[in-house]
Amino acid sequence: MRFPDELPPTQIAYLDGRPATLRVRKCKLVYVDRGKQHERVFDKDEISIGAMAENDVVLHDETVSRSHCKIRVEGDSYLVADLESTNGTFVNRVRIREAFLKPGCTLTAGNTEMRFEALDEKVRLAPSEKTRFGELLGRSVRMREVFGVLERIAPTDTTVIVEGETGTGKEVVARSLHAASRRAKGPLTVFDCGAVPANLVESELFGHEKGSFTGAIMTRQGAFELGSGGTVFLDEIGELPLDLQPKLLRVLEQREVRRVGAERPLRVDVRVIAATNRDLEQEVEAGRFRKDLFYRLSVVRVVLPPLRERPEDIPVLVKHLLRGHAAKGGDDRRKIEGITREALEALAGYSWPGNVRELSNVIERAISFCAEDTLGVDDLPDHVLTRQPRGPSSPVDDRPFKEAKERWIGTFEREYVVQLLKKNDMNISKAARDAAIDRKYFRKLMKKYDIRSADDGED
């Protein structure tokens, strides 16, 4: 039985492709404990009830078991499940093992009665008045719309999927959301689904027991256990092997993980943020991504606009990048204080297939060529001045859009990796740190573009 009109999921309603309203699903439990009435409001996917202190609702009632029952989000409804309690769990005085909770019903644990209420907060989304959210910068309407969404969902435990082209700042969104959340003091665990060999993904993500497979010489925690109490960021979620997707779905629904070789699952307390540059709806249609996992991840979808669609943000980003260069010490011979109008106009007119990541690379290169205290047009690479992405193709590309875009991105990625390696004397570890990406992923890019280094034989 479902009650979608009374128990709306947390979700964004879009109008003409732009965020219009945010519906936040919450519930309230009203109960008496130790002679005092309590009203607790929750916006999380699972609520634990029992006598132990680690429960979300702690009841000081001798008839309540240590872990008595739990309420979890199930589709568009709330489901209560008894946890093999001694004295049972009741809904409207009927003993249950599992039951959907209808707004206004009475939930009883032991001798304690609780009234369950559904709350529906509907918020109109308007562009934020601020020009930054955490590490994200932008004064364009498109970016301030994104900031408006992030400001509303940051305090919640809502699952978020961040979509956007390569280099738009999806991991920056995850870091900024985590820093603005109630979990900020907990860990932010980053797991790149595309940077780990397929045969190791399950172990890295969910952990393994000693002896569970050849080479498992000790028990190991996975990303979800390591991230418990904080946020888990699943980058490149579209790369997750199809056979592991049901296990991830279970984590999202039950907040439980089962290590490889383990007999029992372990509870984890995490918020999940995922990111992809793929069109997951097309992946679902092609059978490469599970529909139920897609819907479970897409509670809130945040779409980052490409840099070419927000050229008014380029001056803000350039100023920030120059300030960051100065803060790091930059070139020890001089300080870059600004950029000429002509150089800014050239940057604004370029198409940026690599987005903000490419802009950062271009500014870093320009600084290294600049002989004055102000960046000029002559310090910019030729492909930016001609307003064409660097690559072998002619200015007019008659291939399908997706194919052409992937080729431009590939060209940028190869050049970016080569330049970083040269800058760091072909040292992969140093280059990966400069790129702020995992060393394994950096090596994956090198292998993808057949780039070799002196320390290429390292693990």
Protein backbone atom coordinates (compact mmCIF):
# COMPACT_ATOMS: atom_id res chain seq x y z
CA MET A 1 0.00 0.00 0.00
CA ARG A 2 1.41 3.42 -0.97
CA PHE A 3 0.56 6.93 0.06
CA PRO A 4 2.42 9.05 -2.52
CA ASP A 5 0.24 12.13 -2.10
CA GLU A 6 0.73 12.16 1.66
CA LEU A 7 4.37 11.04 1.78
CA PRO A 8 6.21 12.82 -1.03
CA PRO A 9 9.85 11.97 -1.60
CA THR A 10 12.49 14.65 -1.30
CA GLN A 11 12.80 15.74 -4.89
CA ILE A 12 13.18 18.72 -7.18
CA ALA A 13 10.43 19.63 -9.60
CA TYR A 14 11.78 21.09 -12.85
CA LEU A 15 10.13 23.60 -15.15
CA ASP A 16 11.56 23.87 -18.67
CA GLY A 17 14.64 22.03 -17.46
CA ARG A 18 15.30 24.45 -14.60
CA PRO A 19 14.75 23.77 -10.87
CA ALA A 20 11.42 25.24 -9.73
CA THR A 21 10.42 23.74 -6.38
CA LEU A 22 11.95 21.41 -3.82
CA ARG A 23 9.72 18.99 -1.94
CA VAL A 24 11.40 17.77 1.23
CA ARG A 25 10.08 14.61 2.85
CA LYS A 26 10.11 14.63 6.64
CA CYS A 27 8.29 12.74 9.37
CA LYS A 28 7.55 13.41 13.03
CA LEU A 29 7.23 11.07 16.00
CA VAL A 30 5.35 12.30 19.05
CA TYR A 31 5.76 10.22 22.23
CA VAL A 32 6.13 10.39 26.00
CA ASP A 33 9.34 9.19 27.65
CA ARG A 34 10.14 9.56 31.37
CA GLY A 35 6.98 11.59 31.82
CA LYS A 36 7.99 14.19 29.22
CA GLN A 37 6.45 14.63 25.78
CA HIS A 38 8.88 14.60 22.85
CA GLU A 39 8.37 15.69 19.25
CA ARG A 40 11.17 14.51 16.97
CA VAL A 41 11.38 15.50 13.31
CA PHE A 42 13.47 13.37 10.93
CA ASP A 43 14.52 13.84 7.32
CA LYS A 44 16.71 10.74 7.09
CA ASP A 45 16.11 7.49 5.24
CA GLU A 46 16.18 5.29 8.34
CA ILE A 47 15.19 5.85 11.98
CA SER A 48 16.19 3.34 14.66
CA ILE A 49 14.12 2.94 17.85
CA GLY A 50 15.16 1.11 21.01
CA ALA A 51 16.66 1.25 24.49
CA MET A 52 20.31 1.54 23.43
CA ALA A 53 21.87 4.99 23.38
CA GLU A 54 22.96 4.74 19.72
CA ASN A 55 19.34 4.63 18.50
CA ASP A 56 17.81 7.70 16.90
CA VAL A 57 14.87 7.40 19.32
CA VAL A 58 15.95 6.18 22.76
CA LEU A 59 13.09 4.90 24.93
CA HIS A 60 13.59 4.41 28.67
CA ASP A 61 10.96 1.69 28.91
CA GLU A 62 11.72 -1.75 30.40
CA THR A 63 9.43 -3.38 27.83
CA VAL A 64 11.44 -1.94 24.90
CA SER A 65 14.25 -4.05 23.47
CA ARG A 66 17.76 -2.72 22.93
CA SER A 67 17.17 -2.56 19.17
CA HIS A 68 13.40 -2.70 18.97
CA CYS A 69 12.34 -1.56 15.50
CA LYS A 70 13.30 0.73 12.66
CA ILE A 71 11.48 2.99 10.27
CA ARG A 72 12.85 3.30 6.76
CA VAL A 73 11.91 5.01 3.55
CA GLU A 74 10.47 2.56 1.04
CA GLY A 75 9.70 4.17 -2.31
CA ASP A 76 7.24 6.96 -1.57
CA SER A 77 6.27 5.63 1.87
CA TYR A 78 7.63 4.84 5.31
CA LEU A 79 7.91 1.21 6.39
CA VAL A 80 8.36 0.05 10.00
CA ALA A 81 10.07 -3.30 10.67
CA ASP A 82 10.25 -5.13 13.98
CA LEU A 83 13.79 -6.24 14.91
CA GLU A 84 12.80 -9.45 16.67
CA SER A 85 11.91 -7.48 19.79
CA THR A 86 10.80 -9.30 22.94
CA ASN A 87 7.44 -7.57 23.34
CA GLY A 88 6.67 -6.78 19.73
CA THR A 89 5.96 -3.77 17.53
CA PHE A 90 2.36 -2.67 16.85
CA VAL A 91 0.71 -0.38 14.31
CA ASN A 92 -2.74 0.76 15.40
CA ARG A 93 -2.52 -1.98 18.07
CA VAL A 94 -1.99 -4.77 15.53
CA ARG A 95 1.28 -6.67 15.99
CA ILE A 96 3.41 -6.56 12.87
CA ARG A 97 6.68 -7.74 11.45
CA GLU A 98 6.60 -5.09 8.70
CA ALA A 99 3.96 -2.52 7.85
CA PHE A 100 3.58 0.76 6.00
CA LEU A 101 2.92 3.75 8.22
CA LYS A 102 -0.03 5.92 7.33
CA PRO A 103 0.07 9.53 8.56
CA GLY A 104 -1.69 9.82 11.93
CA CYS A 105 -1.29 6.16 12.84
CA THR A 106 -0.12 4.92 16.24
CA LEU A 107 3.16 3.03 16.47
CA THR A 108 3.75 1.09 19.68
CA ALA A 109 7.10 -0.27 20.91
CA GLY A 110 6.70 -2.22 24.14
CA ASN A 111 4.41 -0.05 26.25
CA THR A 112 5.38 3.22 24.55
CA GLU A 113 2.96 4.68 22.03
CA MET A 114 4.15 7.06 19.32
CA ARG A 115 2.09 9.06 16.88
CA PHE A 116 3.50 9.08 13.35
CA GLU A 117 2.99 12.21 11.26
CA ALA A 118 4.12 13.03 7.73
CA LEU A 119 5.45 16.48 6.97
CA ASP A 120 5.67 17.96 3.51
CA GLU A 121 7.86 21.02 3.06
CA LYS A 122 7.51 22.55 -0.39
CA VAL A 123 10.04 25.26 -1.09
CA ARG A 124 10.16 27.47 -4.17
CA LEU A 125 13.68 27.49 -5.52
CA ALA A 126 15.12 30.82 -6.53
CA PRO A 127 18.69 31.66 -7.55
CA SER A 128 20.85 32.23 -4.50
CA GLU A 129 21.87 35.78 -3.72
CA LYS A 130 25.36 34.49 -3.02
CA THR A 131 28.05 34.04 -5.66
CA ARG A 132 29.63 31.00 -4.05
CA PHE A 133 28.75 27.83 -2.22
CA GLY A 134 31.69 26.32 -0.42
CA GLU A 135 34.42 25.93 -3.02
CA LEU A 136 32.05 26.62 -5.94
CA LEU A 137 32.13 30.07 -7.54
CA GLY A 138 29.87 31.81 -10.01
CA ARG A 139 27.75 34.91 -10.46
CA SER A 140 25.74 33.62 -13.44
CA VAL A 141 22.06 32.79 -12.96
CA ARG A 142 22.76 29.15 -13.88
CA MET A 143 25.29 28.73 -11.09
CA ARG A 144 23.25 30.68 -8.55
CA GLU A 145 20.34 28.33 -9.30
CA VAL A 146 22.65 25.44 -8.44
CA PHE A 147 23.71 27.23 -5.24
CA GLY A 148 20.05 27.70 -4.31
CA VAL A 149 19.47 23.95 -4.55
CA LEU A 150 22.65 23.08 -2.64
CA GLU A 151 21.82 25.51 0.17
CA ARG A 152 18.47 23.80 0.71
CA ILE A 153 19.66 20.19 0.61
CA ALA A 154 23.00 20.57 2.43
CA PRO A 155 21.54 20.18 5.97
CA THR A 156 19.63 17.01 5.02
CA ASP A 157 20.82 13.44 4.49
CA THR A 158 19.21 13.34 1.06
CA THR A 159 20.96 11.24 -1.57
CA VAL A 160 22.25 13.44 -4.40
CA ILE A 161 23.50 12.71 -7.89
CA VAL A 162 25.62 15.37 -9.58
CA GLU A 163 25.63 15.43 -13.36
CA GLY A 164 27.81 17.38 -15.73
CA GLU A 165 30.58 17.25 -18.30
CA THR A 166 34.16 16.39 -17.41
CA GLY A 167 35.81 19.21 -15.47
CA THR A 168 32.66 21.02 -14.34
CA GLY A 169 33.41 20.45 -10.65
CA LYS A 170 31.35 17.47 -9.54
CA GLU A 171 33.76 16.47 -6.78
CA VAL A 172 33.86 20.11 -5.65
CA VAL A 173 30.08 19.92 -5.20
CA ALA A 174 30.50 16.83 -3.01
CA ARG A 175 33.17 18.49 -0.85
CA SER A 176 31.10 21.64 -0.49
CA LEU A 177 27.90 19.76 0.39
CA HIS A 178 29.75 17.70 2.99
CA ALA A 179 31.35 20.79 4.54
CA ALA A 180 27.93 22.49 4.83
CA SER A 181 26.18 19.43 6.27
CA ARG A 182 25.64 18.16 9.80
CA ARG A 183 28.20 15.48 8.93
CA ALA A 184 31.03 17.96 8.36
CA LYS A 185 33.01 16.61 11.33
CA GLY A 186 32.79 13.08 9.91
CA PRO A 187 34.87 11.71 7.03
CA LEU A 188 34.35 12.44 3.35
CA THR A 189 35.24 9.17 1.62
CA VAL A 190 35.81 9.38 -2.13
CA PHE A 191 35.47 6.25 -4.27
CA ASP A 192 36.09 6.46 -8.02
CA CYS A 193 34.10 3.63 -9.60
CA GLY A 194 36.11 3.92 -12.82
CA ALA A 195 39.59 3.95 -11.30
CA VAL A 196 39.54 0.53 -9.60
CA PRO A 197 39.99 -2.77 -11.49
CA ALA A 198 36.63 -4.52 -11.92
CA ASN A 199 37.69 -7.51 -9.83
CA LEU A 200 38.52 -5.30 -6.84
CA VAL A 201 35.55 -2.93 -6.86
CA GLU A 202 33.40 -5.03 -4.52
CA SER A 203 36.19 -5.39 -1.95
CA GLU A 204 37.16 -1.71 -2.11
CA LEU A 205 33.54 -0.59 -1.83
CA PHE A 206 32.13 -3.05 0.72
CA GLY A 207 35.25 -4.51 2.37
CA HIS A 208 36.28 -8.15 2.79
CA GLU A 209 36.98 -10.76 5.45
CA LYS A 210 40.35 -12.40 5.92
CA GLY A 211 40.68 -15.43 3.65
CA SER A 212 37.59 -14.60 1.60
CA PHE A 213 39.63 -14.77 -1.62
CA THR A 214 43.22 -15.34 -2.72
CA GLY A 215 45.34 -12.50 -1.40
CA ALA A 216 42.90 -11.49 1.36
CA ILE A 217 45.50 -11.86 4.13
CA MET A 218 43.62 -9.59 6.52
CA THR A 219 40.16 -8.14 7.10
CA ARG A 220 39.62 -4.83 5.36
CA GLN A 221 36.97 -2.15 5.67
CA GLY A 222 35.38 -0.82 2.51
CA ALA A 223 34.53 2.75 1.54
CA PHE A 224 31.12 2.66 3.25
CA GLU A 225 32.50 1.49 6.58
CA LEU A 226 35.33 4.01 6.41
CA GLY A 227 32.82 6.73 5.63
CA SER A 228 30.37 5.85 8.41
CA GLY A 229 29.32 8.98 10.26
CA GLY A 230 30.13 11.11 7.24
CA THR A 231 29.62 11.24 3.48
CA VAL A 232 30.54 8.76 0.75
CA PHE A 233 31.15 10.28 -2.68
CA LEU A 234 30.81 7.78 -5.53
CA ASP A 235 32.50 9.34 -8.54
CA GLU A 236 31.83 8.04 -12.06
CA ILE A 237 28.88 5.98 -10.80
CA GLY A 238 28.04 5.04 -14.40
CA GLU A 239 31.19 2.87 -14.44
CA LEU A 240 29.97 0.62 -11.61
CA PRO A 241 29.74 -3.00 -12.84
CA LEU A 242 26.17 -4.14 -13.41
CA ASP A 243 26.49 -7.14 -11.07
CA LEU A 244 27.43 -4.89 -8.13
CA GLN A 245 24.59 -2.42 -8.62
CA PRO A 246 22.04 -4.48 -6.57
CA LYS A 247 24.48 -4.46 -3.63
CA LEU A 248 24.80 -0.69 -3.82
CA LEU A 249 21.00 -0.44 -3.96
CA ARG A 250 20.82 -2.43 -0.72
CA VAL A 251 23.23 -0.02 0.95
CA LEU A 252 21.10 2.93 -0.12
CA GLU A 253 17.86 1.32 1.05
CA GLN A 254 18.96 -0.55 4.18
CA ARG A 255 22.13 1.32 5.16
CA GLU A 256 23.80 -2.07 5.54
CA VAL A 257 26.89 -3.52 3.86
CA ARG A 258 28.06 -7.09 3.66
CA ARG A 259 31.79 -7.58 3.33
CA VAL A 260 33.02 -10.13 0.81
CA GLY A 261 33.04 -13.45 2.65
CA ALA A 262 30.99 -12.18 5.61
CA GLU A 263 27.94 -13.99 6.98
CA ARG A 264 26.16 -10.95 8.40
CA PRO A 265 25.69 -7.39 7.21
CA LEU A 266 27.03 -4.34 9.07
CA ARG A 267 25.11 -1.13 9.64
CA VAL A 268 26.59 2.05 8.21
CA ASP A 269 25.54 5.66 8.76
CA VAL A 270 26.40 7.57 5.61
CA ARG A 271 25.08 10.16 3.24
CA VAL A 272 25.65 9.22 -0.39
CA ILE A 273 26.55 11.65 -3.15
CA ALA A 274 27.18 10.24 -6.62
CA ALA A 275 28.47 11.84 -9.80
CA THR A 276 28.56 11.00 -13.47
CA ASN A 277 29.32 12.57 -16.83
CA ARG A 278 27.20 9.93 -18.54
CA ASP A 279 23.52 10.20 -19.42
CA LEU A 280 22.22 7.60 -16.95
CA GLU A 281 18.76 7.60 -18.48
CA GLN A 282 20.31 6.42 -21.74
CA GLU A 283 22.39 3.89 -19.81
CA VAL A 284 19.19 2.53 -18.24
CA GLU A 285 17.54 2.23 -21.64
CA ALA A 286 20.62 0.42 -22.95
CA GLY A 287 20.49 -2.05 -20.05
CA ARG A 288 23.86 -0.95 -18.64
CA PHE A 289 22.44 0.64 -15.49
CA ARG A 290 19.65 -0.59 -13.24
CA LYS A 291 16.48 1.45 -13.33
CA ASP A 292 15.75 0.99 -9.60
CA LEU A 293 19.26 2.16 -8.67
CA PHE A 294 18.93 5.16 -10.98
CA TYR A 295 15.69 6.24 -9.29
CA ARG A 296 17.15 5.62 -5.82
CA LEU A 297 20.17 7.80 -6.60
CA SER A 298 18.11 10.51 -8.30
CA VAL A 299 16.34 11.75 -5.19
CA VAL A 300 17.91 15.11 -5.98
CA ARG A 301 19.70 15.66 -9.28
CA VAL A 302 22.09 18.59 -9.53
CA VAL A 303 23.12 19.47 -13.08
CA LEU A 304 26.28 21.55 -13.46
CA PRO A 305 26.28 23.77 -16.55
CA PRO A 306 29.34 23.66 -18.83
CA LEU A 307 31.66 26.66 -18.67
CA ARG A 308 30.84 27.73 -22.24
CA GLU A 309 27.24 28.38 -21.11
CA ARG A 310 28.31 30.73 -18.31
CA PRO A 311 31.10 32.95 -19.70
CA GLU A 312 30.22 35.68 -17.18
CA ASP A 313 31.75 33.45 -14.51
CA ILE A 314 35.18 33.38 -16.16
CA PRO A 315 36.46 36.67 -14.59
CA VAL A 316 35.45 35.40 -11.12
CA LEU A 317 37.13 32.04 -11.69
CA VAL A 318 40.30 33.58 -13.11
CA LYS A 319 40.61 35.95 -10.16
CA HIS A 320 40.21 32.98 -7.80
CA LEU A 321 42.83 30.94 -9.68
CA LEU A 322 45.32 33.82 -9.60
CA ARG A 323 44.69 34.30 -5.90
CA GLY A 324 45.26 30.59 -5.34
CA HIS A 325 48.54 30.74 -7.27
CA ALA A 326 49.73 33.61 -5.08
CA ALA A 327 48.65 31.80 -1.89
CA LYS A 328 50.70 28.74 -2.87
CA GLY A 329 53.76 30.87 -3.40
CA GLY A 330 53.44 30.58 -7.14
CA ASP A 331 56.56 31.48 -9.07
CA ASP A 332 59.07 32.60 -6.47
CA ARG A 333 60.35 35.33 -8.79
CA ARG A 334 57.18 37.38 -9.18
CA LYS A 335 53.53 37.84 -8.27
CA ILE A 336 50.79 37.90 -10.92
CA GLU A 337 48.41 40.69 -9.92
CA GLY A 338 45.80 40.58 -12.67
CA ILE A 339 44.80 39.93 -16.27
CA THR A 340 44.15 42.27 -19.19
CA ARG A 341 40.69 42.87 -20.62
CA GLU A 342 41.81 41.49 -24.00
CA ALA A 343 42.94 38.25 -22.35
CA LEU A 344 39.64 37.91 -20.48
CA GLU A 345 37.71 38.46 -23.71
CA ALA A 346 39.75 35.73 -25.38
CA LEU A 347 39.03 33.34 -22.51
CA ALA A 348 35.30 34.20 -22.62
CA GLY A 349 35.15 33.44 -26.34
CA TYR A 350 36.66 29.97 -26.11
CA SER A 351 34.41 26.87 -25.96
CA TRP A 352 36.16 25.09 -23.01
CA PRO A 353 35.61 21.39 -23.76
CA GLY A 354 37.46 20.62 -20.50
CA ASN A 355 35.45 23.21 -18.53
CA VAL A 356 36.81 24.67 -15.26
CA ARG A 357 39.55 22.04 -15.05
CA GLU A 358 40.83 23.14 -18.47
CA LEU A 359 40.59 26.81 -17.47
CA SER A 360 42.72 26.09 -14.43
CA ASN A 361 45.29 24.35 -16.63
CA VAL A 362 45.36 27.25 -19.11
CA ILE A 363 45.84 29.85 -16.35
CA GLU A 364 48.64 27.82 -14.77
CA ARG A 365 50.36 27.58 -18.15
CA ALA A 366 49.88 31.31 -18.78
CA ILE A 367 51.44 32.16 -15.43
CA SER A 368 54.51 30.13 -16.29
CA PHE A 369 54.91 32.06 -19.58
CA CYS A 370 54.11 35.51 -18.20
CA ALA A 371 57.11 37.84 -17.86
CA GLU A 372 55.15 40.74 -16.33
CA ASP A 373 52.86 41.09 -13.30
CA THR A 374 49.70 40.95 -15.47
CA LEU A 375 48.59 38.13 -17.74
CA GLY A 376 48.13 39.23 -21.34
CA VAL A 377 46.91 37.77 -24.59
CA ASP A 378 50.42 36.72 -25.56
CA ASP A 379 50.60 34.48 -22.49
CA LEU A 380 47.60 32.39 -23.56
CA PRO A 381 47.95 29.24 -25.69
CA ASP A 382 47.20 29.57 -29.40
CA HIS A 383 44.16 27.29 -29.38
CA VAL A 384 42.39 29.62 -26.92
CA LEU A 385 43.14 32.67 -29.07
CA THR A 386 41.76 30.98 -32.18
CA ARG A 387 38.71 29.99 -30.10
CA GLN A 388 39.10 26.38 -31.18
CA PRO A 389 39.82 23.38 -28.95
CA ARG A 390 43.32 22.05 -29.62
CA GLY A 391 43.16 18.89 -31.71
CA PRO A 392 43.51 17.33 -35.14
CA SER A 393 40.04 18.22 -36.44
CA SER A 394 39.09 21.14 -38.64
CA PRO A 395 37.12 24.10 -37.15
CA VAL A 396 33.89 22.67 -38.53
CA ASP A 397 33.28 19.17 -37.16
CA ASP A 398 30.59 17.27 -39.05
CA ARG A 399 30.53 14.24 -36.73
CA PRO A 400 27.60 13.55 -34.34
CA PHE A 401 27.66 15.85 -31.30
CA LYS A 402 28.40 13.12 -28.75
CA GLU A 403 31.26 11.69 -30.82
CA ALA A 404 32.77 15.13 -31.45
CA LYS A 405 32.49 16.13 -27.80
CA GLU A 406 34.17 12.94 -26.61
CA ARG A 407 37.04 13.48 -29.03
CA TRP A 408 37.60 17.07 -27.86
CA ILE A 409 37.54 15.94 -24.23
CA GLY A 410 39.97 13.16 -25.02
CA THR A 411 42.34 15.61 -26.67
CA PHE A 412 42.22 17.88 -23.63
CA GLU A 413 42.74 15.01 -21.17
CA ARG A 414 45.79 13.72 -23.04
CA GLU A 415 47.44 17.14 -23.22
CA TYR A 416 46.61 17.85 -19.58
CA VAL A 417 48.26 14.62 -18.42
CA VAL A 418 51.34 15.17 -20.60
CA GLN A 419 51.83 18.73 -19.37
CA LEU A 420 51.50 17.74 -15.72
CA LEU A 421 54.00 14.92 -16.14
CA LYS A 422 56.51 17.26 -17.78
CA LYS A 423 56.01 19.83 -15.05
CA ASN A 424 56.70 17.19 -12.39
CA ASP A 425 59.74 15.60 -14.11
CA MET A 426 57.57 12.67 -15.28
CA ASN A 427 56.78 11.66 -11.68
CA ILE A 428 53.29 10.12 -11.66
CA SER A 429 52.63 10.56 -7.93
CA LYS A 430 53.50 14.27 -7.98
CA ALA A 431 51.48 14.84 -11.15
CA ALA A 432 48.43 13.10 -9.65
CA ARG A 433 48.68 15.27 -6.52
CA ASP A 434 48.85 18.41 -8.67
CA ALA A 435 45.75 17.24 -10.55
CA ALA A 436 43.99 16.49 -7.23
CA ILE A 437 43.00 13.04 -8.47
CA ASP A 438 43.79 9.53 -7.31
CA ARG A 439 47.10 8.13 -8.56
CA LYS A 440 45.37 5.00 -9.88
CA TYR A 441 43.00 7.13 -11.94
CA PHE A 442 45.92 9.22 -13.24
CA ARG A 443 47.64 6.00 -14.34
CA LYS A 444 44.39 4.89 -15.95
CA LEU A 445 44.38 8.10 -18.03
CA MET A 446 48.02 7.47 -19.00
CA LYS A 447 47.16 3.96 -20.12
CA LYS A 448 44.10 5.23 -21.99
CA TYR A 449 46.24 7.62 -24.06
CA ASP A 450 49.36 5.41 -24.21
CA ILE A 451 51.48 7.88 -22.21
CA ARG A 452 54.60 6.48 -20.58
CA SER A 453 56.76 7.74 -17.73
CA ALA A 454 60.07 6.84 -16.10
CA ASP A 455 58.27 5.48 -13.00
CA ASP A 456 55.55 3.78 -15.02
CA GLY A 457 56.50 0.40 -13.58
CA GLU A 458 55.40 1.38 -10.05
CA ASP A 459 52.19 0.01 -8.50
